[in-house]
N, C-alpha and C. Protein backbone atom coordinates (compact mmCIF):
# COMPACT_ATOMS: atom_id res chain seq x y z
N MET A 1 0.86 -1.17 0.00
CA MET A 1 0.00 0.00 0.00
C MET A 1 0.91 1.24 0.00
N PRO A 2 0.69 2.16 -0.91
CA PRO A 2 1.50 3.38 -0.98
C PRO A 2 1.32 4.25 0.27
N GLU A 3 2.33 5.08 0.55
CA GLU A 3 2.30 5.95 1.72
C GLU A 3 1.05 6.84 1.76
N GLU A 4 0.71 7.44 0.63
CA GLU A 4 -0.44 8.34 0.60
C GLU A 4 -1.73 7.61 0.97
N GLU A 5 -1.85 6.39 0.50
CA GLU A 5 -3.04 5.60 0.82
C GLU A 5 -3.08 5.26 2.31
N LEU A 6 -1.92 4.90 2.88
CA LEU A 6 -1.85 4.63 4.32
C LEU A 6 -2.25 5.88 5.11
N TYR A 7 -1.71 7.01 4.69
CA TYR A 7 -1.98 8.27 5.37
C TYR A 7 -3.47 8.61 5.34
N ASN A 8 -4.08 8.43 4.20
CA ASN A 8 -5.50 8.78 4.05
C ASN A 8 -6.44 7.77 4.70
N LYS A 9 -6.01 6.53 4.79
CA LYS A 9 -6.88 5.47 5.30
C LYS A 9 -6.92 5.43 6.84
N TYR A 10 -5.81 5.76 7.48
CA TYR A 10 -5.72 5.62 8.94
C TYR A 10 -5.49 6.97 9.61
N ASP A 11 -6.24 7.23 10.69
CA ASP A 11 -6.07 8.47 11.44
C ASP A 11 -4.68 8.53 12.06
N VAL A 12 -4.25 7.41 12.61
CA VAL A 12 -2.92 7.30 13.19
C VAL A 12 -2.45 5.86 13.01
N ILE A 13 -1.22 5.73 12.57
CA ILE A 13 -0.59 4.41 12.49
C ILE A 13 0.46 4.37 13.59
N GLY A 14 0.31 3.48 14.54
CA GLY A 14 1.30 3.36 15.60
C GLY A 14 2.60 2.80 15.06
N HIS A 15 3.70 3.19 15.69
CA HIS A 15 5.03 2.75 15.27
C HIS A 15 5.77 2.27 16.51
N MET A 16 6.14 1.00 16.53
CA MET A 16 6.69 0.40 17.75
C MET A 16 8.02 1.03 18.18
N ASP A 17 8.78 1.59 17.26
CA ASP A 17 10.02 2.26 17.65
C ASP A 17 9.74 3.55 18.42
N SER A 18 8.53 4.03 18.31
CA SER A 18 8.09 5.23 19.03
C SER A 18 6.82 4.89 19.80
N PHE A 19 6.92 3.89 20.66
CA PHE A 19 5.74 3.37 21.33
C PHE A 19 5.01 4.45 22.14
N SER A 20 5.73 5.19 22.95
CA SER A 20 5.08 6.21 23.79
C SER A 20 4.42 7.28 22.95
N LYS A 21 5.13 7.73 21.91
CA LYS A 21 4.57 8.75 21.03
C LYS A 21 3.35 8.19 20.29
N SER A 22 3.43 6.93 19.88
CA SER A 22 2.30 6.28 19.20
C SER A 22 1.09 6.24 20.12
N HIS A 23 1.33 5.83 21.36
CA HIS A 23 0.26 5.74 22.35
C HIS A 23 -0.41 7.10 22.52
N CYS A 24 0.40 8.14 22.64
CA CYS A 24 -0.15 9.48 22.80
C CYS A 24 -0.92 9.93 21.56
N ALA A 25 -0.34 9.72 20.38
CA ALA A 25 -0.99 10.15 19.13
C ALA A 25 -2.34 9.45 18.96
N ILE A 26 -2.37 8.17 19.22
CA ILE A 26 -3.63 7.41 19.10
C ILE A 26 -4.65 7.93 20.10
N PHE A 27 -4.22 8.12 21.34
CA PHE A 27 -5.12 8.61 22.38
C PHE A 27 -5.69 9.97 22.01
N ILE A 28 -4.82 10.87 21.55
CA ILE A 28 -5.25 12.22 21.19
C ILE A 28 -6.24 12.19 20.03
N ARG A 29 -5.92 11.44 19.00
CA ARG A 29 -6.78 11.37 17.82
C ARG A 29 -8.16 10.81 18.12
N TYR A 30 -8.22 9.82 19.00
CA TYR A 30 -9.50 9.15 19.22
C TYR A 30 -10.29 9.68 20.40
N THR A 31 -9.66 10.46 21.28
CA THR A 31 -10.41 11.03 22.40
C THR A 31 -10.50 12.54 22.34
N GLY A 32 -9.54 13.17 21.65
CA GLY A 32 -9.50 14.63 21.61
C GLY A 32 -8.85 15.24 22.83
N TYR A 33 -8.44 14.40 23.77
CA TYR A 33 -7.80 14.87 25.00
C TYR A 33 -6.30 14.65 24.90
N VAL A 34 -5.52 15.63 25.39
CA VAL A 34 -4.06 15.53 25.38
C VAL A 34 -3.58 15.29 26.81
N PRO A 35 -3.17 14.06 27.12
CA PRO A 35 -2.65 13.78 28.46
C PRO A 35 -1.38 14.59 28.72
N PRO A 36 -1.25 15.16 29.91
CA PRO A 36 -0.06 15.97 30.23
C PRO A 36 1.26 15.21 30.00
N ARG A 37 1.27 13.91 30.24
CA ARG A 37 2.52 13.16 30.07
C ARG A 37 2.97 13.07 28.62
N CYS A 38 2.08 13.43 27.69
CA CYS A 38 2.40 13.36 26.26
C CYS A 38 3.04 14.64 25.73
N VAL A 39 2.96 15.73 26.50
CA VAL A 39 3.44 17.03 26.03
C VAL A 39 4.85 17.30 26.52
N CYS A 40 5.75 17.51 25.57
CA CYS A 40 7.15 17.82 25.90
C CYS A 40 7.57 19.07 25.16
N ASN A 41 6.85 20.17 25.38
CA ASN A 41 7.16 21.42 24.69
C ASN A 41 8.47 22.03 25.16
N ASP A 42 8.79 21.88 26.43
CA ASP A 42 10.01 22.45 26.99
C ASP A 42 11.20 21.63 26.50
N ALA A 43 12.17 22.30 25.90
CA ALA A 43 13.35 21.61 25.36
C ALA A 43 14.11 20.88 26.46
N SER A 44 13.99 21.34 27.70
CA SER A 44 14.71 20.68 28.79
C SER A 44 13.92 19.53 29.38
N ALA A 45 12.69 19.35 28.93
CA ALA A 45 11.86 18.27 29.47
C ALA A 45 12.44 16.92 29.07
N THR A 46 12.40 16.01 29.98
CA THR A 46 12.88 14.67 29.67
C THR A 46 11.76 13.87 29.04
N SER A 47 12.12 12.93 28.25
CA SER A 47 11.12 12.05 27.65
C SER A 47 10.42 11.28 28.75
N ARG A 48 9.15 11.07 28.55
CA ARG A 48 8.36 10.31 29.52
C ARG A 48 8.00 8.99 28.87
N LYS A 49 8.96 8.10 28.83
CA LYS A 49 8.76 6.82 28.16
C LYS A 49 7.88 5.90 29.00
N LEU A 50 7.03 5.20 28.31
CA LEU A 50 6.17 4.21 28.95
C LEU A 50 6.90 2.88 28.89
N LEU A 51 7.30 2.37 30.02
CA LEU A 51 8.03 1.11 30.08
C LEU A 51 7.06 0.00 30.39
N VAL A 52 7.00 -0.96 29.50
CA VAL A 52 6.11 -2.10 29.69
C VAL A 52 6.97 -3.34 29.80
N ASP A 53 6.91 -3.98 30.96
CA ASP A 53 7.65 -5.22 31.18
C ASP A 53 6.70 -6.20 31.81
N HIS A 54 6.38 -7.23 31.06
CA HIS A 54 5.42 -8.21 31.55
C HIS A 54 6.10 -9.37 32.25
N GLY A 55 7.39 -9.25 32.55
CA GLY A 55 8.11 -10.30 33.23
C GLY A 55 8.37 -11.52 32.35
N VAL A 56 8.32 -11.33 31.04
CA VAL A 56 8.52 -12.44 30.12
C VAL A 56 10.01 -12.70 29.95
N VAL A 57 10.39 -13.95 30.07
CA VAL A 57 11.77 -14.34 29.84
C VAL A 57 11.91 -14.64 28.35
N HIS A 58 12.87 -13.98 27.70
CA HIS A 58 13.06 -14.15 26.26
C HIS A 58 14.00 -15.32 25.99
N HIS A 59 13.57 -16.20 25.10
CA HIS A 59 14.35 -17.39 24.78
C HIS A 59 14.80 -17.41 23.32
N GLY A 60 14.68 -16.31 22.62
CA GLY A 60 14.98 -16.26 21.20
C GLY A 60 16.40 -16.67 20.86
N ALA A 61 17.36 -16.34 21.71
CA ALA A 61 18.76 -16.63 21.40
C ALA A 61 19.08 -18.12 21.50
N THR A 62 18.22 -18.88 22.14
CA THR A 62 18.51 -20.31 22.32
C THR A 62 17.75 -21.18 21.33
N PHE A 63 16.97 -20.57 20.43
CA PHE A 63 16.18 -21.33 19.47
C PHE A 63 17.02 -21.56 18.22
N ASN A 64 17.17 -22.80 17.81
CA ASN A 64 17.94 -23.13 16.62
C ASN A 64 17.01 -23.21 15.41
N THR A 65 17.40 -22.55 14.33
CA THR A 65 16.58 -22.55 13.12
C THR A 65 17.28 -23.35 12.02
N THR A 66 16.48 -23.89 11.12
CA THR A 66 17.02 -24.61 9.97
C THR A 66 17.37 -23.61 8.88
N ASN A 67 18.13 -24.03 7.89
CA ASN A 67 18.46 -23.15 6.77
C ASN A 67 17.20 -22.71 6.03
N GLU A 68 16.24 -23.61 5.90
CA GLU A 68 14.97 -23.29 5.25
C GLU A 68 14.22 -22.21 6.02
N GLN A 69 14.20 -22.31 7.35
CA GLN A 69 13.54 -21.30 8.18
C GLN A 69 14.25 -19.96 8.06
N VAL A 70 15.57 -19.99 8.05
CA VAL A 70 16.34 -18.75 7.92
C VAL A 70 16.02 -18.07 6.59
N ALA A 71 15.94 -18.84 5.51
CA ALA A 71 15.62 -18.28 4.19
C ALA A 71 14.24 -17.64 4.20
N LYS A 72 13.26 -18.30 4.82
CA LYS A 72 11.92 -17.75 4.89
C LYS A 72 11.88 -16.48 5.74
N ILE A 73 12.61 -16.49 6.83
CA ILE A 73 12.69 -15.31 7.70
C ILE A 73 13.30 -14.14 6.94
N MET A 74 14.35 -14.40 6.18
CA MET A 74 15.00 -13.35 5.41
C MET A 74 14.05 -12.77 4.36
N LYS A 75 13.26 -13.62 3.72
CA LYS A 75 12.31 -13.15 2.72
C LYS A 75 11.24 -12.26 3.37
N LEU A 76 10.69 -12.73 4.49
CA LEU A 76 9.68 -11.95 5.20
C LEU A 76 10.26 -10.63 5.70
N THR A 77 11.48 -10.66 6.18
CA THR A 77 12.12 -9.45 6.70
C THR A 77 12.31 -8.42 5.60
N ALA A 78 12.68 -8.88 4.41
CA ALA A 78 12.86 -7.95 3.29
C ALA A 78 11.54 -7.28 2.93
N ILE A 79 10.48 -8.05 2.89
CA ILE A 79 9.15 -7.50 2.59
C ILE A 79 8.71 -6.58 3.71
N ASP A 80 8.93 -6.98 4.95
CA ASP A 80 8.53 -6.19 6.11
C ASP A 80 9.27 -4.85 6.14
N GLN A 81 10.51 -4.82 5.72
CA GLN A 81 11.29 -3.59 5.74
C GLN A 81 10.65 -2.50 4.87
N ILE A 82 10.06 -2.91 3.75
CA ILE A 82 9.38 -1.96 2.87
C ILE A 82 8.19 -1.33 3.59
N LEU A 83 7.37 -2.17 4.22
CA LEU A 83 6.22 -1.67 4.97
C LEU A 83 6.67 -0.82 6.16
N TYR A 84 7.71 -1.25 6.84
CA TYR A 84 8.25 -0.53 8.00
C TYR A 84 8.60 0.91 7.61
N GLU A 85 9.31 1.08 6.51
CA GLU A 85 9.72 2.41 6.07
C GLU A 85 8.52 3.28 5.71
N ARG A 86 7.54 2.69 5.07
CA ARG A 86 6.33 3.45 4.73
C ARG A 86 5.58 3.89 5.98
N VAL A 87 5.43 2.97 6.91
CA VAL A 87 4.73 3.29 8.16
C VAL A 87 5.49 4.36 8.93
N ARG A 88 6.82 4.26 8.98
CA ARG A 88 7.63 5.25 9.70
C ARG A 88 7.39 6.65 9.12
N LYS A 89 7.37 6.77 7.81
CA LYS A 89 7.16 8.06 7.17
C LYS A 89 5.75 8.59 7.41
N VAL A 90 4.76 7.73 7.28
CA VAL A 90 3.37 8.14 7.50
C VAL A 90 3.17 8.55 8.95
N PHE A 91 3.71 7.77 9.89
CA PHE A 91 3.59 8.09 11.31
C PHE A 91 4.22 9.45 11.60
N SER A 92 5.39 9.71 11.06
CA SER A 92 6.05 11.00 11.28
C SER A 92 5.18 12.15 10.79
N LYS A 93 4.56 11.97 9.64
CA LYS A 93 3.68 13.02 9.10
C LYS A 93 2.44 13.19 9.97
N GLN A 94 1.87 12.09 10.45
CA GLN A 94 0.69 12.18 11.31
C GLN A 94 1.02 12.87 12.63
N VAL A 95 2.18 12.57 13.20
CA VAL A 95 2.60 13.22 14.44
C VAL A 95 2.80 14.71 14.20
N LYS A 96 3.44 15.06 13.10
CA LYS A 96 3.64 16.47 12.75
C LYS A 96 2.30 17.19 12.63
N ASP A 97 1.32 16.54 12.00
CA ASP A 97 -0.02 17.12 11.87
C ASP A 97 -0.63 17.41 13.24
N ILE A 98 -0.53 16.43 14.14
CA ILE A 98 -1.08 16.60 15.50
C ILE A 98 -0.37 17.73 16.22
N GLU A 99 0.95 17.75 16.14
CA GLU A 99 1.73 18.78 16.83
C GLU A 99 1.41 20.17 16.30
N GLU A 100 1.30 20.31 14.99
CA GLU A 100 0.97 21.62 14.42
C GLU A 100 -0.46 22.03 14.74
N GLU A 101 -1.37 21.09 14.68
CA GLU A 101 -2.77 21.37 14.96
C GLU A 101 -2.98 21.84 16.40
N LEU A 102 -2.25 21.22 17.34
CA LEU A 102 -2.46 21.52 18.75
C LEU A 102 -1.38 22.44 19.36
N GLY A 103 -0.36 22.75 18.59
CA GLY A 103 0.71 23.62 19.10
C GLY A 103 1.51 22.98 20.22
N ILE A 104 1.74 21.67 20.11
CA ILE A 104 2.49 20.94 21.13
C ILE A 104 3.60 20.12 20.47
N THR A 105 4.49 19.60 21.29
CA THR A 105 5.49 18.64 20.86
C THR A 105 5.24 17.37 21.65
N LEU A 106 4.99 16.28 20.95
CA LEU A 106 4.77 15.00 21.64
C LEU A 106 6.09 14.44 22.15
N CYS A 107 6.04 13.85 23.33
CA CYS A 107 7.24 13.24 23.92
C CYS A 107 7.64 12.01 23.13
N ASP A 108 8.93 11.77 23.07
CA ASP A 108 9.45 10.56 22.42
C ASP A 108 9.22 9.34 23.26
């Protein structure tokens, strides 16, 4: 899906690399309310990151994959990278729209 179509189809596309900002942008767009923790207008303000830790132990490094699995993962990753870049650009534009509309800077 082209960037313009993503932009026009979705009010906000969350981006996991900017989880806190995504959370704020989604909340603002769908409720119209700006939570104070989302506003970082002061240049000296520290980011107010939302840390989510569900106590899950990660075992990814101990999982052995076959060559066939690695090839499939590489193919999916290449395709995913295209979507990732489009979403990143659309998300940045949507955040800029919110910030300009409301005269605020969303926290990272």
